[in-house]
N, C-alpha and C. Protein backbone atom coordinates (compact mmCIF):
# COMPACT_ATOMS: atom_id res chain seq x y z
N VAL A 1 48.95 -78.68 90.01
CA VAL A 1 49.23 -79.39 88.77
C VAL A 1 49.08 -80.88 89.06
N PHE A 2 48.24 -81.54 88.28
CA PHE A 2 48.02 -82.98 88.45
C PHE A 2 49.10 -83.78 87.73
N SER A 3 49.38 -83.42 86.50
CA SER A 3 50.43 -84.11 85.75
C SER A 3 50.94 -83.19 84.65
N VAL A 4 52.15 -83.47 84.20
CA VAL A 4 52.77 -82.74 83.11
C VAL A 4 53.22 -83.77 82.09
N GLY A 5 52.77 -83.63 80.86
CA GLY A 5 53.14 -84.57 79.82
C GLY A 5 53.78 -83.87 78.64
N ALA A 6 54.66 -84.58 77.99
CA ALA A 6 55.31 -84.04 76.79
C ALA A 6 55.44 -85.16 75.77
N VAL A 7 55.23 -84.81 74.51
CA VAL A 7 55.40 -85.76 73.41
C VAL A 7 56.32 -85.09 72.40
N ALA A 8 57.37 -85.79 72.02
CA ALA A 8 58.29 -85.29 71.00
C ALA A 8 58.17 -86.20 69.78
N THR A 9 57.97 -85.60 68.63
CA THR A 9 57.85 -86.39 67.40
C THR A 9 59.02 -86.08 66.49
N LYS A 10 59.34 -87.07 65.67
CA LYS A 10 60.43 -86.94 64.72
C LYS A 10 59.96 -87.50 63.39
N ASN A 11 60.72 -87.27 62.37
CA ASN A 11 60.38 -87.80 61.04
C ASN A 11 60.15 -89.30 61.12
N ALA A 12 59.46 -89.83 60.17
CA ALA A 12 59.17 -91.26 60.02
C ALA A 12 58.28 -91.78 61.15
N GLY A 13 57.52 -90.88 61.80
CA GLY A 13 56.54 -91.32 62.78
C GLY A 13 57.10 -91.72 64.13
N ARG A 14 58.37 -91.53 64.37
CA ARG A 14 58.92 -91.88 65.68
C ARG A 14 58.57 -90.80 66.69
N PHE A 15 58.34 -91.24 67.95
CA PHE A 15 58.01 -90.26 68.98
C PHE A 15 58.47 -90.79 70.34
N ALA A 16 58.51 -89.89 71.28
CA ALA A 16 58.82 -90.23 72.68
C ALA A 16 57.84 -89.48 73.57
N GLU A 17 57.45 -90.12 74.65
CA GLU A 17 56.52 -89.50 75.58
C GLU A 17 57.13 -89.51 76.97
N ASP A 18 56.73 -88.51 77.76
CA ASP A 18 57.13 -88.48 79.16
C ASP A 18 55.96 -87.90 79.95
N LEU A 19 55.63 -88.55 81.04
CA LEU A 19 54.57 -88.08 81.92
C LEU A 19 55.15 -87.98 83.33
N THR A 20 55.05 -86.82 83.92
CA THR A 20 55.50 -86.60 85.28
C THR A 20 54.29 -86.21 86.12
N VAL A 21 54.20 -86.81 87.28
CA VAL A 21 53.10 -86.52 88.19
C VAL A 21 53.69 -85.97 89.48
N PRO A 22 53.70 -84.65 89.64
CA PRO A 22 54.33 -84.07 90.83
C PRO A 22 53.46 -84.13 92.08
N TRP A 23 52.33 -84.79 92.02
CA TRP A 23 51.39 -84.80 93.13
C TRP A 23 51.92 -85.63 94.29
N SER A 24 52.04 -85.02 95.43
CA SER A 24 52.30 -85.70 96.69
C SER A 24 51.87 -84.77 97.81
N ILE A 25 51.62 -85.34 98.96
CA ILE A 25 51.19 -84.53 100.09
C ILE A 25 51.78 -85.11 101.37
N GLY A 26 52.35 -84.24 102.17
CA GLY A 26 52.75 -84.65 103.52
C GLY A 26 51.49 -84.63 104.37
N ILE A 27 51.17 -85.74 104.97
CA ILE A 27 49.94 -85.84 105.74
C ILE A 27 50.12 -85.12 107.08
N PRO A 28 49.35 -84.04 107.30
CA PRO A 28 49.46 -83.36 108.59
C PRO A 28 48.93 -84.27 109.70
N HIS A 29 49.64 -84.29 110.80
CA HIS A 29 49.22 -85.15 111.90
C HIS A 29 49.89 -84.70 113.20
N THR A 30 49.33 -85.15 114.28
CA THR A 30 49.95 -84.97 115.57
C THR A 30 50.88 -86.16 115.78
N ASP A 31 52.12 -85.88 116.13
CA ASP A 31 53.11 -86.96 116.25
C ASP A 31 52.73 -87.97 117.32
N VAL A 32 52.85 -89.24 116.97
CA VAL A 32 52.74 -90.31 117.93
C VAL A 32 54.05 -90.30 118.72
N ILE A 33 53.94 -90.19 120.01
CA ILE A 33 55.13 -90.19 120.85
C ILE A 33 55.38 -91.62 121.32
N PHE A 34 56.56 -92.10 121.00
CA PHE A 34 56.95 -93.45 121.39
C PHE A 34 57.75 -93.40 122.69
N ASP A 35 57.60 -94.43 123.51
CA ASP A 35 58.45 -94.56 124.68
C ASP A 35 59.88 -94.76 124.22
N SER A 36 60.81 -94.31 125.00
CA SER A 36 62.23 -94.44 124.65
C SER A 36 62.58 -95.92 124.46
N GLY A 37 63.21 -96.21 123.33
CA GLY A 37 63.65 -97.57 123.04
C GLY A 37 62.55 -98.52 122.60
N LYS A 38 61.34 -98.03 122.39
CA LYS A 38 60.19 -98.89 122.05
C LYS A 38 59.58 -98.49 120.72
N TRP A 39 58.87 -99.44 120.11
CA TRP A 39 58.13 -99.15 118.89
C TRP A 39 56.65 -99.51 119.02
N ASP A 40 56.27 -100.00 120.19
CA ASP A 40 54.86 -100.30 120.42
C ASP A 40 54.06 -99.00 120.46
N ILE A 41 52.87 -99.03 119.87
CA ILE A 41 52.00 -97.86 119.87
C ILE A 41 51.12 -97.94 121.11
N ASN A 42 51.29 -96.98 122.01
CA ASN A 42 50.49 -96.93 123.23
C ASN A 42 49.04 -96.61 122.89
N ASP A 43 48.11 -97.18 123.65
CA ASP A 43 46.68 -96.94 123.42
C ASP A 43 46.36 -95.45 123.43
N SER A 44 47.03 -94.70 124.28
CA SER A 44 46.76 -93.26 124.37
C SER A 44 47.16 -92.51 123.10
N GLU A 45 48.01 -93.11 122.25
CA GLU A 45 48.47 -92.48 121.02
C GLU A 45 47.63 -92.86 119.80
N LYS A 46 46.79 -93.88 119.91
CA LYS A 46 46.02 -94.37 118.77
C LYS A 46 45.04 -93.35 118.19
N PRO A 47 44.41 -92.48 119.00
CA PRO A 47 43.54 -91.47 118.39
C PRO A 47 44.29 -90.55 117.42
N LYS A 48 45.56 -90.30 117.65
CA LYS A 48 46.36 -89.50 116.72
C LYS A 48 46.48 -90.21 115.38
N LEU A 49 46.69 -91.53 115.42
CA LEU A 49 46.78 -92.31 114.19
C LEU A 49 45.42 -92.38 113.49
N ASP A 50 44.35 -92.48 114.26
CA ASP A 50 43.01 -92.51 113.67
C ASP A 50 42.72 -91.22 112.92
N ASP A 51 43.13 -90.08 113.48
CA ASP A 51 42.95 -88.79 112.80
C ASP A 51 43.76 -88.75 111.51
N ALA A 52 45.00 -89.20 111.55
CA ALA A 52 45.84 -89.22 110.35
C ALA A 52 45.26 -90.17 109.30
N PHE A 53 44.74 -91.30 109.74
CA PHE A 53 44.12 -92.27 108.83
C PHE A 53 42.97 -91.62 108.08
N ALA A 54 42.14 -90.85 108.78
CA ALA A 54 41.00 -90.18 108.14
C ALA A 54 41.49 -89.20 107.06
N ILE A 55 42.57 -88.49 107.32
CA ILE A 55 43.12 -87.56 106.33
C ILE A 55 43.64 -88.33 105.12
N ILE A 56 44.34 -89.43 105.37
CA ILE A 56 44.88 -90.25 104.27
C ILE A 56 43.74 -90.76 103.39
N VAL A 57 42.70 -91.29 104.00
CA VAL A 57 41.55 -91.80 103.24
C VAL A 57 40.91 -90.68 102.43
N HIS A 58 40.75 -89.52 103.04
CA HIS A 58 40.18 -88.36 102.33
C HIS A 58 41.02 -88.03 101.09
N GLU A 59 42.33 -88.03 101.21
CA GLU A 59 43.21 -87.71 100.09
C GLU A 59 43.16 -88.80 99.02
N LEU A 60 43.07 -90.06 99.43
CA LEU A 60 42.96 -91.15 98.45
C LEU A 60 41.67 -91.04 97.65
N VAL A 61 40.59 -90.69 98.32
CA VAL A 61 39.31 -90.52 97.63
C VAL A 61 39.39 -89.32 96.68
N ALA A 62 40.06 -88.26 97.09
CA ALA A 62 40.23 -87.09 96.22
C ALA A 62 41.03 -87.47 94.98
N LEU A 63 42.04 -88.31 95.13
CA LEU A 63 42.81 -88.77 93.97
C LEU A 63 41.94 -89.61 93.04
N GLU A 64 41.09 -90.46 93.61
CA GLU A 64 40.16 -91.24 92.78
C GLU A 64 39.28 -90.32 91.95
N LYS A 65 38.78 -89.26 92.56
CA LYS A 65 37.92 -88.30 91.84
C LYS A 65 38.71 -87.57 90.76
N ALA A 66 39.93 -87.19 91.06
CA ALA A 66 40.78 -86.52 90.06
C ALA A 66 41.06 -87.46 88.90
N ASN A 67 41.35 -88.72 89.20
CA ASN A 67 41.56 -89.72 88.15
C ASN A 67 40.34 -89.80 87.23
N GLN A 68 39.16 -89.84 87.82
CA GLN A 68 37.93 -89.91 87.02
C GLN A 68 37.76 -88.66 86.17
N ALA A 69 38.08 -87.51 86.73
CA ALA A 69 37.87 -86.25 86.03
C ALA A 69 38.78 -86.10 84.81
N VAL A 70 40.00 -86.63 84.88
CA VAL A 70 40.95 -86.45 83.78
C VAL A 70 41.21 -87.74 83.01
N GLY A 71 40.49 -88.80 83.36
CA GLY A 71 40.68 -90.07 82.65
C GLY A 71 42.02 -90.72 82.93
N ALA A 72 42.52 -90.54 84.14
CA ALA A 72 43.82 -91.13 84.51
C ALA A 72 43.59 -92.36 85.39
N ASN A 73 44.66 -93.06 85.66
CA ASN A 73 44.60 -94.23 86.52
C ASN A 73 45.83 -94.25 87.44
N LEU A 74 46.04 -93.14 88.13
CA LEU A 74 47.19 -93.04 89.02
C LEU A 74 46.89 -93.71 90.35
N ALA A 75 47.84 -94.45 90.86
CA ALA A 75 47.69 -95.13 92.14
C ALA A 75 48.66 -94.51 93.15
N ALA A 76 48.13 -94.13 94.29
CA ALA A 76 48.95 -93.52 95.33
C ALA A 76 49.60 -94.58 96.20
N GLN A 77 50.68 -94.18 96.80
CA GLN A 77 51.36 -94.99 97.80
C GLN A 77 51.55 -94.11 99.04
N ILE A 78 51.59 -94.75 100.20
CA ILE A 78 51.91 -94.02 101.44
C ILE A 78 53.32 -94.43 101.85
N TYR A 79 54.11 -93.43 102.22
CA TYR A 79 55.49 -93.63 102.66
C TYR A 79 55.58 -93.15 104.10
N ILE A 80 55.95 -94.05 104.99
CA ILE A 80 56.04 -93.72 106.41
C ILE A 80 57.48 -93.89 106.85
N VAL A 81 58.04 -92.83 107.40
CA VAL A 81 59.44 -92.86 107.82
C VAL A 81 59.51 -92.58 109.32
N GLY A 82 60.24 -93.44 110.03
CA GLY A 82 60.38 -93.32 111.48
C GLY A 82 61.69 -92.65 111.86
N HIS A 83 61.67 -92.04 113.05
CA HIS A 83 62.84 -91.34 113.58
C HIS A 83 63.02 -91.71 115.06
N THR A 84 64.22 -91.49 115.58
CA THR A 84 64.51 -91.70 117.00
C THR A 84 65.17 -90.46 117.58
N ASP A 85 65.32 -90.48 118.90
CA ASP A 85 66.16 -89.47 119.53
C ASP A 85 67.61 -89.97 119.49
N THR A 86 68.50 -89.35 120.23
CA THR A 86 69.92 -89.71 120.14
C THR A 86 70.39 -90.63 121.27
N VAL A 87 69.45 -91.15 122.05
CA VAL A 87 69.80 -92.10 123.10
C VAL A 87 70.05 -93.45 122.45
N GLY A 88 71.17 -94.08 122.77
CA GLY A 88 71.49 -95.40 122.23
C GLY A 88 72.46 -95.31 121.06
N LYS A 89 72.81 -96.48 120.56
CA LYS A 89 73.77 -96.58 119.45
C LYS A 89 73.06 -96.28 118.13
N PRO A 90 73.75 -95.59 117.21
CA PRO A 90 73.13 -95.23 115.93
C PRO A 90 72.56 -96.43 115.16
N GLY A 91 73.27 -97.56 115.13
CA GLY A 91 72.77 -98.73 114.40
C GLY A 91 71.47 -99.27 114.99
N LYS A 92 71.40 -99.32 116.30
CA LYS A 92 70.17 -99.79 116.96
C LYS A 92 69.04 -98.79 116.75
N ASN A 93 69.37 -97.50 116.74
CA ASN A 93 68.34 -96.49 116.51
C ASN A 93 67.79 -96.56 115.09
N LYS A 94 68.62 -96.90 114.15
CA LYS A 94 68.15 -97.07 112.76
C LYS A 94 67.10 -98.18 112.72
N THR A 95 67.41 -99.32 113.36
CA THR A 95 66.46 -100.44 113.41
C THR A 95 65.20 -100.05 114.18
N LEU A 96 65.37 -99.35 115.28
CA LEU A 96 64.22 -98.91 116.09
C LEU A 96 63.30 -98.00 115.28
N SER A 97 63.89 -97.06 114.55
CA SER A 97 63.06 -96.14 113.75
C SER A 97 62.31 -96.88 112.65
N GLU A 98 62.95 -97.88 112.06
CA GLU A 98 62.29 -98.68 111.03
C GLU A 98 61.12 -99.46 111.64
N ASN A 99 61.32 -100.01 112.83
CA ASN A 99 60.24 -100.74 113.50
C ASN A 99 59.08 -99.82 113.85
N ARG A 100 59.38 -98.58 114.21
CA ARG A 100 58.30 -97.62 114.49
C ARG A 100 57.49 -97.32 113.23
N ALA A 101 58.18 -97.11 112.13
CA ALA A 101 57.48 -96.85 110.88
C ALA A 101 56.65 -98.05 110.46
N ARG A 102 57.20 -99.24 110.66
CA ARG A 102 56.46 -100.47 110.31
C ARG A 102 55.22 -100.62 111.19
N ALA A 103 55.33 -100.30 112.48
CA ALA A 103 54.19 -100.41 113.40
C ALA A 103 53.06 -99.47 112.96
N ILE A 104 53.40 -98.25 112.59
CA ILE A 104 52.38 -97.30 112.14
C ILE A 104 51.78 -97.78 110.82
N SER A 105 52.63 -98.26 109.92
CA SER A 105 52.13 -98.77 108.64
C SER A 105 51.14 -99.90 108.86
N GLN A 106 51.48 -100.83 109.74
CA GLN A 106 50.60 -101.96 110.01
C GLN A 106 49.30 -101.48 110.65
N TYR A 107 49.36 -100.49 111.49
CA TYR A 107 48.15 -99.93 112.11
C TYR A 107 47.20 -99.42 111.02
N PHE A 108 47.75 -98.67 110.07
CA PHE A 108 46.92 -98.14 108.98
C PHE A 108 46.35 -99.28 108.12
N ILE A 109 47.13 -100.29 107.85
CA ILE A 109 46.64 -101.44 107.08
C ILE A 109 45.50 -102.12 107.83
N ASP A 110 45.69 -102.32 109.13
CA ASP A 110 44.66 -102.97 109.94
C ASP A 110 43.36 -102.14 109.98
N LYS A 111 43.46 -100.81 109.82
CA LYS A 111 42.29 -99.94 109.79
C LYS A 111 41.57 -100.01 108.44
N GLY A 112 42.25 -100.54 107.39
CA GLY A 112 41.61 -100.68 106.09
C GLY A 112 42.27 -99.92 104.96
N LEU A 113 43.48 -99.43 105.15
CA LEU A 113 44.16 -98.70 104.09
C LEU A 113 44.38 -99.62 102.90
N TRP A 114 44.04 -99.15 101.69
CA TRP A 114 44.06 -100.00 100.50
C TRP A 114 45.18 -99.68 99.53
N CYS A 115 45.94 -98.62 99.74
CA CYS A 115 47.02 -98.29 98.80
C CYS A 115 48.29 -99.06 99.16
N GLU A 116 49.29 -98.98 98.26
CA GLU A 116 50.58 -99.57 98.57
C GLU A 116 51.16 -98.85 99.78
N VAL A 117 51.84 -99.61 100.64
CA VAL A 117 52.39 -99.04 101.87
C VAL A 117 53.88 -99.35 101.93
N TYR A 118 54.69 -98.30 102.12
CA TYR A 118 56.14 -98.43 102.25
C TYR A 118 56.56 -97.80 103.57
N TYR A 119 57.64 -98.32 104.14
CA TYR A 119 58.17 -97.75 105.37
C TYR A 119 59.69 -97.76 105.34
N ALA A 120 60.29 -96.89 106.14
CA ALA A 120 61.75 -96.82 106.26
C ALA A 120 62.07 -96.15 107.58
N GLY A 121 63.31 -96.31 108.02
CA GLY A 121 63.77 -95.69 109.25
C GLY A 121 64.97 -94.81 109.00
N MET A 122 65.01 -93.70 109.69
CA MET A 122 66.12 -92.75 109.57
C MET A 122 67.02 -92.76 110.79
N GLY A 123 66.63 -93.46 111.85
CA GLY A 123 67.43 -93.44 113.06
C GLY A 123 67.52 -92.03 113.61
N GLU A 124 68.74 -91.59 113.88
CA GLU A 124 68.98 -90.27 114.47
C GLU A 124 69.06 -89.17 113.42
N ARG A 125 69.02 -89.52 112.14
CA ARG A 125 69.09 -88.49 111.09
C ARG A 125 67.76 -87.75 110.99
N GLY A 126 67.83 -86.46 110.72
CA GLY A 126 66.62 -85.66 110.54
C GLY A 126 65.89 -85.36 111.84
N LEU A 127 66.64 -85.00 112.87
CA LEU A 127 66.03 -84.70 114.16
C LEU A 127 65.05 -83.54 114.04
N ALA A 128 63.92 -83.62 114.72
CA ALA A 128 62.97 -82.52 114.78
C ALA A 128 63.49 -81.42 115.70
N VAL A 129 64.17 -81.83 116.76
CA VAL A 129 64.78 -80.92 117.72
C VAL A 129 66.25 -81.28 117.81
N GLN A 130 67.12 -80.36 117.42
CA GLN A 130 68.55 -80.64 117.46
C GLN A 130 69.02 -80.80 118.91
N THR A 131 69.69 -81.92 119.17
CA THR A 131 70.22 -82.20 120.50
C THR A 131 71.61 -82.80 120.35
N GLY A 132 72.29 -82.89 121.46
CA GLY A 132 73.56 -83.60 121.49
C GLY A 132 73.31 -85.10 121.55
N ASP A 133 74.38 -85.86 121.65
CA ASP A 133 74.28 -87.31 121.74
C ASP A 133 73.71 -87.72 123.10
N SER A 134 72.95 -88.81 123.10
CA SER A 134 72.37 -89.40 124.31
C SER A 134 71.36 -88.49 125.01
N VAL A 135 70.63 -87.69 124.25
CA VAL A 135 69.61 -86.81 124.83
C VAL A 135 68.24 -87.42 124.57
N ASP A 136 67.49 -87.64 125.66
CA ASP A 136 66.15 -88.20 125.61
C ASP A 136 65.17 -87.07 125.25
N GLU A 137 64.81 -86.99 123.98
CA GLU A 137 63.91 -85.93 123.48
C GLU A 137 62.73 -86.59 122.78
N ALA A 138 61.57 -86.60 123.44
CA ALA A 138 60.39 -87.29 122.92
C ALA A 138 59.97 -86.78 121.54
N ARG A 139 60.16 -85.50 121.25
CA ARG A 139 59.73 -84.94 119.97
C ARG A 139 60.54 -85.49 118.79
N ASN A 140 61.68 -86.11 119.07
CA ASN A 140 62.46 -86.74 118.00
C ASN A 140 62.02 -88.17 117.73
N ARG A 141 61.26 -88.76 118.64
CA ARG A 141 60.74 -90.12 118.47
C ARG A 141 59.39 -90.03 117.77
N ARG A 142 59.44 -89.95 116.45
CA ARG A 142 58.24 -89.62 115.69
C ARG A 142 58.26 -90.31 114.33
N ALA A 143 57.25 -89.99 113.52
CA ALA A 143 57.19 -90.51 112.14
C ALA A 143 56.60 -89.45 111.23
N GLN A 144 56.90 -89.57 109.95
CA GLN A 144 56.33 -88.70 108.92
C GLN A 144 55.56 -89.57 107.95
N TYR A 145 54.49 -89.01 107.36
CA TYR A 145 53.67 -89.73 106.40
C TYR A 145 53.58 -88.89 105.13
N VAL A 146 53.95 -89.50 104.01
CA VAL A 146 53.88 -88.82 102.71
C VAL A 146 53.06 -89.70 101.77
N LEU A 147 52.02 -89.11 101.18
CA LEU A 147 51.18 -89.81 100.21
C LEU A 147 51.53 -89.25 98.84
N GLY A 148 51.82 -90.12 97.89
CA GLY A 148 52.18 -89.66 96.56
C GLY A 148 52.10 -90.79 95.55
N VAL A 149 52.44 -90.46 94.32
CA VAL A 149 52.43 -91.47 93.25
C VAL A 149 53.85 -91.89 92.88
N GLN A 150 54.82 -91.34 93.57
CA GLN A 150 56.22 -91.76 93.40
C GLN A 150 56.93 -91.56 94.73
N LYS A 151 58.10 -92.17 94.87
CA LYS A 151 58.84 -92.09 96.13
C LYS A 151 59.20 -90.64 96.44
N PRO A 152 59.16 -90.27 97.73
CA PRO A 152 59.57 -88.92 98.10
C PRO A 152 61.05 -88.69 97.79
N ALA A 153 61.38 -87.46 97.49
CA ALA A 153 62.77 -87.11 97.22
C ALA A 153 63.59 -87.29 98.49
N PRO A 154 64.78 -87.88 98.37
CA PRO A 154 65.62 -88.04 99.56
C PRO A 154 66.08 -86.68 100.08
N GLY A 155 66.30 -86.60 101.37
CA GLY A 155 66.75 -85.36 101.99
C GLY A 155 67.24 -85.63 103.39
N HIS A 156 67.40 -84.57 104.15
CA HIS A 156 67.94 -84.76 105.50
C HIS A 156 66.98 -85.53 106.41
N ASP A 157 65.67 -85.51 106.10
CA ASP A 157 64.72 -86.26 106.92
C ASP A 157 63.95 -87.31 106.12
N MET A 158 64.39 -87.60 104.89
CA MET A 158 63.80 -88.66 104.05
C MET A 158 64.92 -89.56 103.55
N PRO A 159 64.67 -90.87 103.55
CA PRO A 159 65.72 -91.82 103.13
C PRO A 159 65.93 -91.85 101.62
N SER A 160 66.98 -92.52 101.23
CA SER A 160 67.26 -92.72 99.80
C SER A 160 66.22 -93.66 99.21
N PRO A 161 66.00 -93.60 97.89
CA PRO A 161 64.96 -94.42 97.26
C PRO A 161 65.09 -95.93 97.55
N GLY A 162 66.30 -96.44 97.68
CA GLY A 162 66.48 -97.87 97.92
C GLY A 162 66.22 -98.31 99.35
N SER A 163 65.95 -97.38 100.25
CA SER A 163 65.73 -97.71 101.67
C SER A 163 64.31 -98.16 101.99
N TRP A 164 63.37 -97.84 101.11
CA TRP A 164 61.97 -98.14 101.40
C TRP A 164 61.69 -99.63 101.31
N LYS A 165 60.90 -100.14 102.25
CA LYS A 165 60.45 -101.54 102.25
C LYS A 165 58.93 -101.54 102.06
N LYS A 166 58.49 -102.43 101.19
CA LYS A 166 57.05 -102.52 100.91
C LYS A 166 56.40 -103.46 101.92
N LEU A 167 55.31 -102.98 102.53
CA LEU A 167 54.57 -103.79 103.49
C LEU A 167 53.28 -104.32 102.88
N GLN A 168 52.71 -103.57 101.91
CA GLN A 168 51.45 -103.99 101.32
C GLN A 168 51.36 -103.53 99.87
N ASP A 169 50.85 -104.40 99.01
CA ASP A 169 50.49 -104.01 97.65
C ASP A 169 49.15 -103.30 97.69
N GLN A 170 48.81 -102.65 96.59
CA GLN A 170 47.50 -102.02 96.51
C GLN A 170 46.43 -103.09 96.54
N GLY A 171 45.40 -102.84 97.32
CA GLY A 171 44.30 -103.79 97.44
C GLY A 171 42.98 -103.14 97.09
N ALA A 172 41.94 -103.87 97.32
CA ALA A 172 40.59 -103.36 97.07
C ALA A 172 40.22 -102.37 98.16
N ARG A 173 39.52 -101.34 97.75
CA ARG A 173 39.06 -100.35 98.73
C ARG A 173 37.99 -100.96 99.62
N MET A 174 38.26 -100.98 100.93
CA MET A 174 37.33 -101.56 101.88
C MET A 174 36.59 -100.47 102.66
N VAL A 175 37.21 -99.31 102.79
CA VAL A 175 36.61 -98.21 103.53
C VAL A 175 35.64 -97.48 102.61
N GLN A 176 34.36 -97.52 102.92
CA GLN A 176 33.35 -96.89 102.07
C GLN A 176 32.83 -95.60 102.68
N LYS A 177 32.79 -95.52 104.00
CA LYS A 177 32.24 -94.35 104.67
C LYS A 177 33.39 -93.57 105.29
N LEU A 178 33.45 -92.29 104.96
CA LEU A 178 34.50 -91.43 105.51
C LEU A 178 34.05 -90.83 106.82
């Protein structure tokens, strides 16, 4: 389903409209593994981001084609959320996870991503692998990417709507060849 619209009319020509666009996609990717306590993207991890970037661009182009087919003008946004393991203090891990999400967001922007870009950090919330406190688990030091036309629903591994920070407005499409 691309969109769901409803129009309610009443006497004297009054009406109300509502359009909901349930379209969003979690971008499948191989997790970038961050060093403990770091948010720098290691060179060995960049091919994983390049693969995810190609998927994101493919989905953005598909949305452009869908817009043309139905006469819509929907603009997608990418939402990147960072996570940490349980080593360290929760407050510092929250900041660390946000910095990881920002680093990935900036990487995608530098590659030519043209949609709006948002990022947030979850810290130790939403662990991929449940562990006790102070456990060094690389699989928890990761990020998720969601492409959609509205903010992802909050949950155990997604932040509340007010947590997202915008890194980039929508720009001109620079990537022409997929």
